[in-house]
Amino acid sequence: MSNETLIRSCAPTMARLKTGNMFTCAFDSREQMTAELRQLNQRLRQKGLRILPLRWRDGRALLYLYRPKLLERDLRDPLSRKLLSECGYAGGDASACLALLISRLREEREFPHEVGLFLGYPPADVDGFMHRKDECKLCGLWKVYDDVEGAVRQFARCRHCTAVYLRCLSRGFSLDRLAVAG
């Protein structure tokens, strides 16, 4: 996996603007994927980041770069807990929730609707997507059902962050240097 792929897909998470990002990446084999992810985790762990394979199909992996501390915080939100409970998640332990999400992603063809909670989307927007699909007010990095102005600002921050990170990468900055601690 190239550093550019990681930056294009995950700069907002690396900058601590989002809890997580998911993206697909081709690998020659599961062994290659495992070795690359192990090495990347060793480099980024000190910055509070972790990358996991969520699903493997036809030489492509669905990967999840995330900040475990932010995921814990996000899943403690009362509305997040309610939505997760509706979807069969027991308790608010982020590790257990992530394990169930991985199981669902591997078993089902479509993404579970609650996936937005693992990406740092506002719980009110995840709720809207799950229960009021026809009331969407804006489409951007996610579908917005609640705070349009806040979402527009966040979308702009994420786009700007990705552009800045890509420029820095082209100037020779390492992933270790680009990843914000926290």
Protein backbone atom coordinates (compact mmCIF):
# COMPACT_ATOMS: atom_id res chain seq x y z
CA MET A 1 0.00 0.00 0.00
CA SER A 2 1.40 3.36 -0.93
CA ASN A 3 1.68 6.27 1.48
CA GLU A 4 -0.31 8.32 -1.04
CA THR A 5 -3.23 5.86 -0.85
CA LEU A 6 -3.22 6.10 2.92
CA ILE A 7 -3.09 9.93 2.86
CA ARG A 8 -5.81 10.29 0.21
CA SER A 9 -8.10 8.00 2.17
CA CYS A 10 -7.24 8.84 5.78
CA ALA A 11 -5.63 12.28 6.20
CA PRO A 12 -8.48 13.57 8.44
CA THR A 13 -8.00 10.62 10.81
CA MET A 14 -4.23 11.06 10.78
CA ALA A 15 -4.77 14.75 11.66
CA ARG A 16 -7.22 13.84 14.45
CA LEU A 17 -10.17 15.53 12.68
CA LYS A 18 -12.09 12.24 12.45
CA THR A 19 -12.28 9.04 14.42
CA GLY A 20 -11.67 6.75 11.48
CA ASN A 21 -11.66 6.15 7.75
CA MET A 22 -12.32 3.02 5.70
CA PHE A 23 -10.83 2.36 2.30
CA THR A 24 -10.03 -0.54 -0.02
CA CYS A 25 -6.58 -1.55 -1.11
CA ALA A 26 -5.27 -4.30 -3.38
CA PHE A 27 -2.72 -6.77 -2.05
CA ASP A 28 -1.02 -9.71 -3.75
CA SER A 29 -1.89 -11.97 -0.82
CA ARG A 30 -3.24 -12.03 2.71
CA GLU A 31 0.31 -12.59 3.91
CA GLN A 32 1.51 -9.40 2.19
CA MET A 33 -1.41 -7.48 3.70
CA THR A 34 -0.70 -8.83 7.19
CA ALA A 35 2.99 -7.96 6.98
CA GLU A 36 2.32 -4.42 5.70
CA LEU A 37 -0.35 -3.71 8.29
CA ARG A 38 1.81 -5.07 11.11
CA GLN A 39 4.66 -2.77 10.06
CA LEU A 40 2.33 0.21 9.69
CA ASN A 41 0.78 -0.40 13.11
CA GLN A 42 4.23 -0.44 14.69
CA ARG A 43 4.95 2.96 13.14
CA LEU A 44 1.61 4.63 13.91
CA ARG A 45 0.75 3.12 17.32
CA GLN A 46 2.79 5.80 19.12
CA LYS A 47 0.56 8.41 17.45
CA GLY A 48 -2.62 6.79 18.77
CA LEU A 49 -3.59 5.19 15.45
CA ARG A 50 -4.40 1.62 14.51
CA ILE A 51 -5.15 -0.02 11.17
CA LEU A 52 -7.19 -3.22 10.83
CA PRO A 53 -8.37 -5.35 7.93
CA LEU A 54 -12.15 -5.52 8.10
CA ARG A 55 -12.79 -7.73 5.09
CA TRP A 56 -10.82 -9.55 2.39
CA ARG A 57 -12.31 -10.35 -1.02
CA ASP A 58 -10.79 -11.08 -4.39
CA GLY A 59 -7.34 -9.69 -3.60
CA ARG A 60 -8.70 -6.52 -2.03
CA ALA A 61 -8.93 -5.60 1.62
CA LEU A 62 -11.30 -3.20 3.28
CA LEU A 63 -9.08 -1.40 5.79
CA TYR A 64 -9.97 0.72 8.80
CA LEU A 65 -7.55 3.33 10.12
CA TYR A 66 -8.86 4.69 13.40
CA ARG A 67 -8.07 6.25 16.74
CA PRO A 68 -9.12 3.82 19.49
CA LYS A 69 -9.46 6.55 22.13
CA LEU A 70 -11.76 8.61 19.91
CA LEU A 71 -13.80 5.51 19.06
CA GLU A 72 -14.28 4.79 22.77
CA ARG A 73 -15.45 8.37 23.28
CA ASP A 74 -17.77 8.32 20.27
CA LEU A 75 -19.43 5.05 21.23
CA ARG A 76 -20.16 6.34 24.76
CA ASP A 77 -22.46 9.01 23.32
CA PRO A 78 -26.04 8.26 24.47
CA LEU A 79 -27.52 8.34 20.96
CA SER A 80 -24.67 6.17 19.64
CA ARG A 81 -25.34 3.65 22.40
CA LYS A 82 -29.06 3.63 21.58
CA LEU A 83 -28.41 3.10 17.86
CA LEU A 84 -25.88 0.35 18.51
CA SER A 85 -28.32 -1.36 20.87
CA GLU A 86 -31.00 -1.28 18.16
CA CYS A 87 -28.53 -3.04 15.86
CA GLY A 88 -27.74 -5.79 18.37
CA TYR A 89 -24.53 -4.47 19.90
CA ALA A 90 -24.25 -5.27 23.59
CA GLY A 91 -22.77 -2.59 25.82
CA GLY A 92 -20.53 0.25 24.85
CA ASP A 93 -17.14 -1.50 24.81
CA ALA A 94 -15.48 -0.29 21.62
CA SER A 95 -13.47 -3.49 21.11
CA ALA A 96 -16.57 -5.68 21.34
CA CYS A 97 -18.51 -3.33 19.05
CA LEU A 98 -15.69 -3.33 16.52
CA ALA A 99 -15.54 -7.14 16.60
CA LEU A 100 -19.27 -7.33 15.81
CA LEU A 101 -18.92 -4.75 13.03
CA ILE A 102 -16.10 -6.79 11.49
CA SER A 103 -18.25 -9.92 11.69
CA ARG A 104 -21.12 -8.14 9.95
CA LEU A 105 -18.88 -6.72 7.24
CA ARG A 106 -17.49 -10.17 6.51
CA GLU A 107 -20.92 -11.85 6.41
CA GLU A 108 -22.98 -9.22 4.58
CA ARG A 109 -22.51 -7.74 1.12
CA GLU A 110 -23.72 -4.28 2.14
CA PHE A 111 -22.37 -2.00 4.81
CA PRO A 112 -24.27 -2.04 8.09
CA HIS A 113 -25.99 1.32 8.57
CA GLU A 114 -24.31 1.91 11.92
CA VAL A 115 -20.87 2.02 10.28
CA GLY A 116 -20.92 5.83 10.43
CA LEU A 117 -20.59 5.67 14.22
CA PHE A 118 -17.18 4.03 13.72
CA LEU A 119 -16.09 6.78 11.33
CA GLY A 120 -16.86 9.74 13.57
CA TYR A 121 -20.05 10.81 11.82
CA PRO A 122 -22.47 12.70 14.07
CA PRO A 123 -24.84 10.24 15.76
CA ALA A 124 -27.83 12.38 14.72
CA ASP A 125 -26.84 11.90 11.07
CA VAL A 126 -26.38 8.15 11.51
CA ASP A 127 -29.82 8.08 13.16
CA GLY A 128 -31.25 10.01 10.21
CA PHE A 129 -29.67 7.62 7.73
CA MET A 130 -31.06 4.64 9.62
CA HIS A 131 -34.58 5.97 10.28
CA ARG A 132 -35.35 8.97 8.05
CA LYS A 133 -33.55 8.41 4.75
CA ASP A 134 -35.91 10.68 2.82
CA GLU A 135 -35.12 13.67 5.09
CA CYS A 136 -31.47 14.09 4.03
CA LYS A 137 -30.52 17.78 3.92
CA LEU A 138 -27.04 17.49 2.37
CA CYS A 139 -24.74 14.87 0.84
CA GLY A 140 -21.01 15.21 1.34
CA LEU A 141 -18.54 12.95 3.12
CA TRP A 142 -21.68 11.51 4.71
CA LYS A 143 -25.41 12.19 4.46
CA VAL A 144 -26.44 15.04 6.75
CA TYR A 145 -29.78 15.04 8.53
CA ASP A 146 -29.11 17.46 11.37
CA ASP A 147 -26.43 20.19 11.59
CA VAL A 148 -25.84 21.26 7.98
CA GLU A 149 -23.60 24.22 8.84
CA GLY A 150 -21.40 22.11 11.11
CA ALA A 151 -21.16 19.39 8.47
CA VAL A 152 -20.20 21.89 5.75
CA ARG A 153 -17.39 23.17 8.00
CA GLN A 154 -16.22 19.63 8.75
CA PHE A 155 -16.31 18.66 5.06
CA ALA A 156 -14.16 21.72 4.23
CA ARG A 157 -11.69 20.91 7.05
CA CYS A 158 -11.34 17.34 5.79
CA ARG A 159 -10.81 18.40 2.16
CA HIS A 160 -8.26 21.04 3.20
CA CYS A 161 -6.47 18.57 5.46
CA THR A 162 -6.16 16.00 2.67
CA ALA A 163 -4.80 18.61 0.25
CA VAL A 164 -2.23 19.83 2.81
CA TYR A 165 -1.16 16.29 3.69
CA LEU A 166 -0.74 15.37 0.01
CA ARG A 167 1.44 18.47 -0.53
CA CYS A 168 3.52 17.58 2.52
CA LEU A 169 3.89 14.00 1.32
CA SER A 170 5.09 15.23 -2.09
CA ARG A 171 7.71 17.32 -0.25
CA GLY A 172 9.07 14.25 1.48
CA PHE A 173 7.27 14.26 4.84
CA SER A 174 7.00 10.78 6.36
CA LEU A 175 3.77 9.23 7.66
CA ASP A 176 5.28 9.36 11.13
CA ARG A 177 5.72 13.10 10.82
CA LEU A 178 2.26 13.70 9.31
CA ALA A 179 0.33 11.68 11.90
CA VAL A 180 -0.76 13.84 14.84
CA ALA A 181 -0.29 12.31 18.28
CA GLY A 182 -3.33 11.75 20.41
